[in-house]
């Protein structure tokens, strides 16, 4: 499947991330870090392993660079460490822990022992769940508290927390992927000095159907 159609099919999760200029700056600073010897600074080594596996399923390398090619795992880890507030960090870690527990229940082993196939199946279980199942996950995490004032100390249900974690990671990964220099300039329609507004014109003159990166 071509990347553009895959992104269209996946959509964006609501997520807990608030992405602005500081995130863009951090994203660019992560692009040249060597991927092979990365050690998480915010996440545990186990969560870092799982995050890379998850990102490789959501945004694999195809006809365009994948998440691992663009160091998006490093970006997410650094973003949580350097940008977000304490409550948001706690929520993210709790959802990562919930995913770990859901993985353990699903396969009777730790996530760092998981194969690519294991991660593909569990991601499909949650991100391709039916609307009724997704509603059930959301209800489990909010039925005892105000949805706008969630207590970060309350333990997450493993299934509901895993769904939240994967939804958040998917949302920020797609945002980061689209905003990297490599994708913005070489995959999307890039015009650093936009010209006149053309409401109607030949597709070949208007990016050949690609979304504009600026």
C-alpha atoms as a PDB file:
ATOM      1  CA  UNK A   1       0.000   0.000   0.000  1.00  0.00           C
ATOM      2  CA  UNK A   2       1.272   3.470  -0.845  1.00  0.00           C
ATOM      3  CA  UNK A   3       2.123   5.665   2.144  1.00  0.00           C
ATOM      4  CA  UNK A   4      -0.386   8.411   1.302  1.00  0.00           C
ATOM      5  CA  UNK A   5      -3.313   5.986   1.278  1.00  0.00           C
ATOM      6  CA  UNK A   6      -2.086   4.302   4.445  1.00  0.00           C
ATOM      7  CA  UNK A   7      -2.026   7.626   6.292  1.00  0.00           C
ATOM      8  CA  UNK A   8      -5.477   8.480   4.990  1.00  0.00           C
ATOM      9  CA  UNK A   9      -6.808   5.146   6.227  1.00  0.00           C
ATOM     10  CA  UNK A  10      -5.224   5.470   9.684  1.00  0.00           C
ATOM     11  CA  UNK A  11      -6.261   9.039  10.414  1.00  0.00           C
ATOM     12  CA  UNK A  12      -5.020  10.910  13.464  1.00  0.00           C
ATOM     13  CA  UNK A  13      -5.628  10.111  17.104  1.00  0.00           C
ATOM     14  CA  UNK A  14      -6.794  12.842  19.442  1.00  0.00           C
ATOM     15  CA  UNK A  15      -3.772  12.250  21.641  1.00  0.00           C
ATOM     16  CA  UNK A  16      -2.428  14.048  24.695  1.00  0.00           C
ATOM     17  CA  UNK A  17       0.290  15.828  22.766  1.00  0.00           C
ATOM     18  CA  UNK A  18       0.217  19.579  22.261  1.00  0.00           C
ATOM     19  CA  UNK A  19       2.592  20.241  19.400  1.00  0.00           C
ATOM     20  CA  UNK A  20       4.006  23.676  18.656  1.00  0.00           C
ATOM     21  CA  UNK A  21       7.203  25.501  17.714  1.00  0.00           C
ATOM     22  CA  UNK A  22       9.192  23.846  20.505  1.00  0.00           C
ATOM     23  CA  UNK A  23       8.229  20.435  19.164  1.00  0.00           C
ATOM     24  CA  UNK A  24       9.313  21.392  15.661  1.00  0.00           C
ATOM     25  CA  UNK A  25      12.685  22.528  16.944  1.00  0.00           C
ATOM     26  CA  UNK A  26      13.124  19.310  18.914  1.00  0.00           C
ATOM     27  CA  UNK A  27      12.071  17.219  15.925  1.00  0.00           C
ATOM     28  CA  UNK A  28      14.791  18.742  13.771  1.00  0.00           C
ATOM     29  CA  UNK A  29      17.416  18.244  16.495  1.00  0.00           C
ATOM     30  CA  UNK A  30      16.624  14.504  16.646  1.00  0.00           C
ATOM     31  CA  UNK A  31      16.986  13.832  12.940  1.00  0.00           C
ATOM     32  CA  UNK A  32      20.754  13.248  12.918  1.00  0.00           C
ATOM     33  CA  UNK A  33      21.045  11.132  16.048  1.00  0.00           C
ATOM     34  CA  UNK A  34      22.301   7.598  15.312  1.00  0.00           C
ATOM     35  CA  UNK A  35      19.375   5.196  15.624  1.00  0.00           C
ATOM     36  CA  UNK A  36      21.348   2.059  16.348  1.00  0.00           C
ATOM     37  CA  UNK A  37      22.767   3.114  19.749  1.00  0.00           C
ATOM     38  CA  UNK A  38      19.792   5.111  21.027  1.00  0.00           C
ATOM     39  CA  UNK A  39      19.140   4.902  24.762  1.00  0.00           C
ATOM     40  CA  UNK A  40      15.842   6.438  25.982  1.00  0.00           C
ATOM     41  CA  UNK A  41      16.121   9.335  28.420  1.00  0.00           C
ATOM     42  CA  UNK A  42      12.474   9.380  29.542  1.00  0.00           C
ATOM     43  CA  UNK A  43      11.118   5.940  28.758  1.00  0.00           C
ATOM     44  CA  UNK A  44      12.522   2.721  30.172  1.00  0.00           C
ATOM     45  CA  UNK A  45      14.604   0.512  27.890  1.00  0.00           C
ATOM     46  CA  UNK A  46      11.628  -1.869  27.651  1.00  0.00           C
ATOM     47  CA  UNK A  47       9.247   0.926  26.642  1.00  0.00           C
ATOM     48  CA  UNK A  48      11.805   2.257  24.170  1.00  0.00           C
ATOM     49  CA  UNK A  49      12.066  -1.177  22.550  1.00  0.00           C
ATOM     50  CA  UNK A  50       8.285  -1.411  22.277  1.00  0.00           C
ATOM     51  CA  UNK A  51       7.971   2.140  20.943  1.00  0.00           C
ATOM     52  CA  UNK A  52      10.342   1.376  18.058  1.00  0.00           C
ATOM     53  CA  UNK A  53       8.428  -1.803  17.242  1.00  0.00           C
ATOM     54  CA  UNK A  54       5.123   0.088  17.335  1.00  0.00           C
ATOM     55  CA  UNK A  55       6.407   2.885  15.106  1.00  0.00           C
ATOM     56  CA  UNK A  56       7.793   0.384  12.608  1.00  0.00           C
ATOM     57  CA  UNK A  57       4.299  -1.087  12.271  1.00  0.00           C
ATOM     58  CA  UNK A  58       2.499   2.246  12.038  1.00  0.00           C
ATOM     59  CA  UNK A  59       5.019   3.954   9.732  1.00  0.00           C
ATOM     60  CA  UNK A  60       7.243   1.320   8.118  1.00  0.00           C
ATOM     61  CA  UNK A  61       9.754   2.079   5.421  1.00  0.00           C
ATOM     62  CA  UNK A  62       8.062   1.615   2.039  1.00  0.00           C
ATOM     63  CA  UNK A  63       8.365   3.875  -0.977  1.00  0.00           C
ATOM     64  CA  UNK A  64       9.173   6.655   1.508  1.00  0.00           C
ATOM     65  CA  UNK A  65      11.280   6.737   4.716  1.00  0.00           C
ATOM     66  CA  UNK A  66       9.717   5.157   7.779  1.00  0.00           C
ATOM     67  CA  UNK A  67       9.523   6.318  11.384  1.00  0.00           C
ATOM     68  CA  UNK A  68      12.781   4.589  12.324  1.00  0.00           C
ATOM     69  CA  UNK A  69      14.606   6.202   9.406  1.00  0.00           C
ATOM     70  CA  UNK A  70      13.576   9.621  10.747  1.00  0.00           C
ATOM     71  CA  UNK A  71      14.313   8.958  14.460  1.00  0.00           C
ATOM     72  CA  UNK A  72      10.733   9.533  15.528  1.00  0.00           C
ATOM     73  CA  UNK A  73      11.126   7.277  18.582  1.00  0.00           C
ATOM     74  CA  UNK A  74      13.929   9.550  19.787  1.00  0.00           C
ATOM     75  CA  UNK A  75      11.719  12.580  19.188  1.00  0.00           C
ATOM     76  CA  UNK A  76       8.799  11.205  21.217  1.00  0.00           C
ATOM     77  CA  UNK A  77      11.091  10.242  24.076  1.00  0.00           C
ATOM     78  CA  UNK A  78      12.840  13.644  24.106  1.00  0.00           C
ATOM     79  CA  UNK A  79       9.550  15.512  23.755  1.00  0.00           C
ATOM     80  CA  UNK A  80       8.158  13.830  26.858  1.00  0.00           C
ATOM     81  CA  UNK A  81      11.378  14.510  28.753  1.00  0.00           C
ATOM     82  CA  UNK A  82      11.924  18.144  27.747  1.00  0.00           C
ATOM     83  CA  UNK A  83       8.602  19.722  26.798  1.00  0.00           C
ATOM     84  CA  UNK A  84       5.477  18.371  28.505  1.00  0.00           C
ATOM     85  CA  UNK A  85       4.345  19.028  32.059  1.00  0.00           C
ATOM     86  CA  UNK A  86       4.549  16.553  34.931  1.00  0.00           C
ATOM     87  CA  UNK A  87       0.924  15.359  34.801  1.00  0.00           C
ATOM     88  CA  UNK A  88       1.166  14.685  31.088  1.00  0.00           C
ATOM     89  CA  UNK A  89       4.370  12.708  31.620  1.00  0.00           C
ATOM     90  CA  UNK A  90       2.669  10.593  34.255  1.00  0.00           C
ATOM     91  CA  UNK A  91      -0.294   9.895  31.979  1.00  0.00           C
ATOM     92  CA  UNK A  92       1.972   8.876  29.136  1.00  0.00           C
ATOM     93  CA  UNK A  93       4.017   6.536  31.336  1.00  0.00           C
ATOM     94  CA  UNK A  94       0.856   4.989  32.781  1.00  0.00           C
ATOM     95  CA  UNK A  95      -0.498   4.339  29.311  1.00  0.00           C
ATOM     96  CA  UNK A  96       2.870   2.844  28.280  1.00  0.00           C
ATOM     97  CA  UNK A  97       2.726   0.604  31.374  1.00  0.00           C
ATOM     98  CA  UNK A  98      -0.836  -0.379  30.451  1.00  0.00           C
ATOM     99  CA  UNK A  99       0.322  -1.377  26.972  1.00  0.00           C
ATOM    100  CA  UNK A 100       3.084  -3.489  28.553  1.00  0.00           C
ATOM    101  CA  UNK A 101       0.510  -5.239  30.742  1.00  0.00           C
ATOM    102  CA  UNK A 102      -1.847  -5.786  27.800  1.00  0.00           C
ATOM    103  CA  UNK A 103       1.057  -7.270  25.813  1.00  0.00           C
ATOM    104  CA  UNK A 104       1.931  -9.577  28.714  1.00  0.00           C
ATOM    105  CA  UNK A 105      -1.687 -10.753  28.999  1.00  0.00           C
ATOM    106  CA  UNK A 106      -1.943 -11.286  25.254  1.00  0.00           C
ATOM    107  CA  UNK A 107       1.266 -13.295  24.764  1.00  0.00           C
ATOM    108  CA  UNK A 108       2.347 -14.416  28.256  1.00  0.00           C
ATOM    109  CA  UNK A 109       5.751 -12.748  27.818  1.00  0.00           C
ATOM    110  CA  UNK A 110       7.333  -9.333  28.230  1.00  0.00           C
ATOM    111  CA  UNK A 111       7.114  -6.754  25.450  1.00  0.00           C
ATOM    112  CA  UNK A 112      10.895  -6.696  24.992  1.00  0.00           C
ATOM    113  CA  UNK A 113      10.613 -10.369  23.999  1.00  0.00           C
ATOM    114  CA  UNK A 114       8.025  -9.595  21.344  1.00  0.00           C
ATOM    115  CA  UNK A 115       8.468 -10.255  17.646  1.00  0.00           C
ATOM    116  CA  UNK A 116       7.449  -7.998  14.771  1.00  0.00           C
ATOM    117  CA  UNK A 117       4.440 -10.253  14.208  1.00  0.00           C
ATOM    118  CA  UNK A 118       3.394  -9.958  17.878  1.00  0.00           C
ATOM    119  CA  UNK A 119       3.381  -6.178  17.635  1.00  0.00           C
ATOM    120  CA  UNK A 120       1.529  -6.171  14.328  1.00  0.00           C
ATOM    121  CA  UNK A 121      -1.258  -8.302  15.798  1.00  0.00           C
ATOM    122  CA  UNK A 122      -1.684  -6.375  19.043  1.00  0.00           C
ATOM    123  CA  UNK A 123      -1.652  -3.013  17.258  1.00  0.00           C
ATOM    124  CA  UNK A 124      -4.308  -4.284  14.881  1.00  0.00           C
ATOM    125  CA  UNK A 125      -6.361  -5.489  17.855  1.00  0.00           C
ATOM    126  CA  UNK A 126      -6.594  -2.008  19.338  1.00  0.00           C
ATOM    127  CA  UNK A 127      -6.303   0.442  16.454  1.00  0.00           C
ATOM    128  CA  UNK A 128      -8.644  -1.543  14.212  1.00  0.00           C
ATOM    129  CA  UNK A 129     -11.148  -2.264  16.961  1.00  0.00           C
ATOM    130  CA  UNK A 130     -14.820  -1.762  16.196  1.00  0.00           C
ATOM    131  CA  UNK A 131     -16.463   1.547  17.181  1.00  0.00           C
ATOM    132  CA  UNK A 132     -18.262  -0.260  20.003  1.00  0.00           C
ATOM    133  CA  UNK A 133     -14.977  -1.663  21.345  1.00  0.00           C
ATOM    134  CA  UNK A 134     -13.278   1.740  21.156  1.00  0.00           C
ATOM    135  CA  UNK A 135     -16.179   3.295  23.045  1.00  0.00           C
ATOM    136  CA  UNK A 136     -15.839   0.580  25.688  1.00  0.00           C
ATOM    137  CA  UNK A 137     -12.114   1.325  26.089  1.00  0.00           C
ATOM    138  CA  UNK A 138     -12.795   5.045  26.506  1.00  0.00           C
ATOM    139  CA  UNK A 139     -15.541   4.391  29.061  1.00  0.00           C
ATOM    140  CA  UNK A 140     -13.286   2.196  31.215  1.00  0.00           C
ATOM    141  CA  UNK A 141     -10.881   5.075  31.771  1.00  0.00           C
ATOM    142  CA  UNK A 142     -13.474   7.781  32.411  1.00  0.00           C
ATOM    143  CA  UNK A 143     -16.439   6.127  34.120  1.00  0.00           C
ATOM    144  CA  UNK A 144     -15.164   6.983  37.633  1.00  0.00           C
ATOM    145  CA  UNK A 145     -13.873  10.491  36.931  1.00  0.00           C
ATOM    146  CA  UNK A 146     -14.589  13.727  35.112  1.00  0.00           C
ATOM    147  CA  UNK A 147     -13.221  13.287  31.573  1.00  0.00           C
ATOM    148  CA  UNK A 148     -11.769  16.815  31.664  1.00  0.00           C
ATOM    149  CA  UNK A 149     -10.033  16.328  35.051  1.00  0.00           C
ATOM    150  CA  UNK A 150      -8.621  12.820  34.959  1.00  0.00           C
ATOM    151  CA  UNK A 151      -6.664  11.800  38.037  1.00  0.00           C
ATOM    152  CA  UNK A 152      -3.170  10.788  36.936  1.00  0.00           C
ATOM    153  CA  UNK A 153      -2.835   8.549  40.009  1.00  0.00           C
ATOM    154  CA  UNK A 154      -5.719   6.252  39.018  1.00  0.00           C
ATOM    155  CA  UNK A 155      -4.577   2.953  37.518  1.00  0.00           C
ATOM    156  CA  UNK A 156      -5.500   2.422  33.891  1.00  0.00           C
ATOM    157  CA  UNK A 157      -7.343  -0.611  32.637  1.00  0.00           C
ATOM    158  CA  UNK A 158      -4.758  -2.513  30.507  1.00  0.00           C
ATOM    159  CA  UNK A 159      -6.935  -2.683  27.385  1.00  0.00           C
ATOM    160  CA  UNK A 160      -8.153   0.894  27.639  1.00  0.00           C
ATOM    161  CA  UNK A 161      -4.677   2.190  28.492  1.00  0.00           C
ATOM    162  CA  UNK A 162      -3.103   0.266  25.610  1.00  0.00           C
ATOM    163  CA  UNK A 163      -5.663   1.746  23.220  1.00  0.00           C
ATOM    164  CA  UNK A 164      -4.939   5.267  24.514  1.00  0.00           C
ATOM    165  CA  UNK A 165      -1.186   4.724  24.238  1.00  0.00           C
ATOM    166  CA  UNK A 166      -1.302   3.451  20.678  1.00  0.00           C
ATOM    167  CA  UNK A 167      -3.689   6.215  19.630  1.00  0.00           C
ATOM    168  CA  UNK A 168      -1.412   8.893  21.090  1.00  0.00           C
ATOM    169  CA  UNK A 169       1.744   7.405  19.604  1.00  0.00           C
ATOM    170  CA  UNK A 170       0.085   7.090  16.199  1.00  0.00           C
ATOM    171  CA  UNK A 171      -1.082  10.695  16.243  1.00  0.00           C
ATOM    172  CA  UNK A 172       2.243  12.233  17.178  1.00  0.00           C
ATOM    173  CA  UNK A 173       4.195   9.869  14.897  1.00  0.00           C
ATOM    174  CA  UNK A 174       2.198  10.915  11.842  1.00  0.00           C
ATOM    175  CA  UNK A 175       2.543  14.586  12.803  1.00  0.00           C
ATOM    176  CA  UNK A 176       6.295  14.182  13.258  1.00  0.00           C
ATOM    177  CA  UNK A 177       6.690  12.190  10.038  1.00  0.00           C
ATOM    178  CA  UNK A 178       4.906  14.861   8.008  1.00  0.00           C
ATOM    179  CA  UNK A 179       6.913  17.676   9.591  1.00  0.00           C
ATOM    180  CA  UNK A 180      10.410  16.293   9.096  1.00  0.00           C
ATOM    181  CA  UNK A 181      12.579  18.059   6.557  1.00  0.00           C
ATOM    182  CA  UNK A 182      13.000  14.871   4.522  1.00  0.00           C
ATOM    183  CA  UNK A 183       9.264  14.300   4.091  1.00  0.00           C
ATOM    184  CA  UNK A 184       8.321  17.963   3.813  1.00  0.00           C
ATOM    185  CA  UNK A 185      10.785  18.696   1.022  1.00  0.00           C
ATOM    186  CA  UNK A 186      11.113  15.392  -0.816  1.00  0.00           C
ATOM    187  CA  UNK A 187       7.767  13.603  -0.436  1.00  0.00           C
ATOM    188  CA  UNK A 188       5.091  16.246   0.009  1.00  0.00           C
ATOM    189  CA  UNK A 189       4.467  19.243  -2.249  1.00  0.00           C
ATOM    190  CA  UNK A 190       7.140  21.697  -1.172  1.00  0.00           C
ATOM    191  CA  UNK A 191       7.140  25.312  -2.320  1.00  0.00           C
ATOM    192  CA  UNK A 192       9.294  27.522  -0.059  1.00  0.00           C
ATOM    193  CA  UNK A 193       8.032  30.676  -1.775  1.00  0.00           C
ATOM    194  CA  UNK A 194       4.327  30.136  -2.539  1.00  0.00           C
ATOM    195  CA  UNK A 195       3.063  32.122  -5.486  1.00  0.00           C
ATOM    196  CA  UNK A 196      -0.384  33.271  -6.512  1.00  0.00           C
ATOM    197  CA  UNK A 197      -3.566  31.620  -5.338  1.00  0.00           C
ATOM    198  CA  UNK A 198      -4.952  29.327  -8.052  1.00  0.00           C
ATOM    199  CA  UNK A 199      -8.428  28.054  -7.090  1.00  0.00           C
ATOM    200  CA  UNK A 200      -8.703  25.887 -10.206  1.00  0.00           C
ATOM    201  CA  UNK A 201      -5.876  24.516 -12.320  1.00  0.00           C
ATOM    202  CA  UNK A 202      -4.269  21.394 -13.770  1.00  0.00           C
ATOM    203  CA  UNK A 203      -3.347  18.815 -11.144  1.00  0.00           C
ATOM    204  CA  UNK A 204       0.144  18.502 -12.613  1.00  0.00           C
ATOM    205  CA  UNK A 205       0.748  22.179 -11.828  1.00  0.00           C
ATOM    206  CA  UNK A 206      -0.634  21.921  -8.306  1.00  0.00           C
ATOM    207  CA  UNK A 207       1.549  19.292  -6.677  1.00  0.00           C
ATOM    208  CA  UNK A 208       0.112  16.295  -8.547  1.00  0.00           C
ATOM    209  CA  UNK A 209      -2.394  15.780  -5.749  1.00  0.00           C
ATOM    210  CA  UNK A 210       0.155  15.872  -2.921  1.00  0.00           C
ATOM    211  CA  UNK A 211      -0.553  17.794   0.278  1.00  0.00           C
ATOM    212  CA  UNK A 212       1.533  20.959   0.645  1.00  0.00           C
ATOM    213  CA  UNK A 213       4.113  20.872   3.408  1.00  0.00           C
ATOM    214  CA  UNK A 214       4.139  24.640   3.953  1.00  0.00           C
END
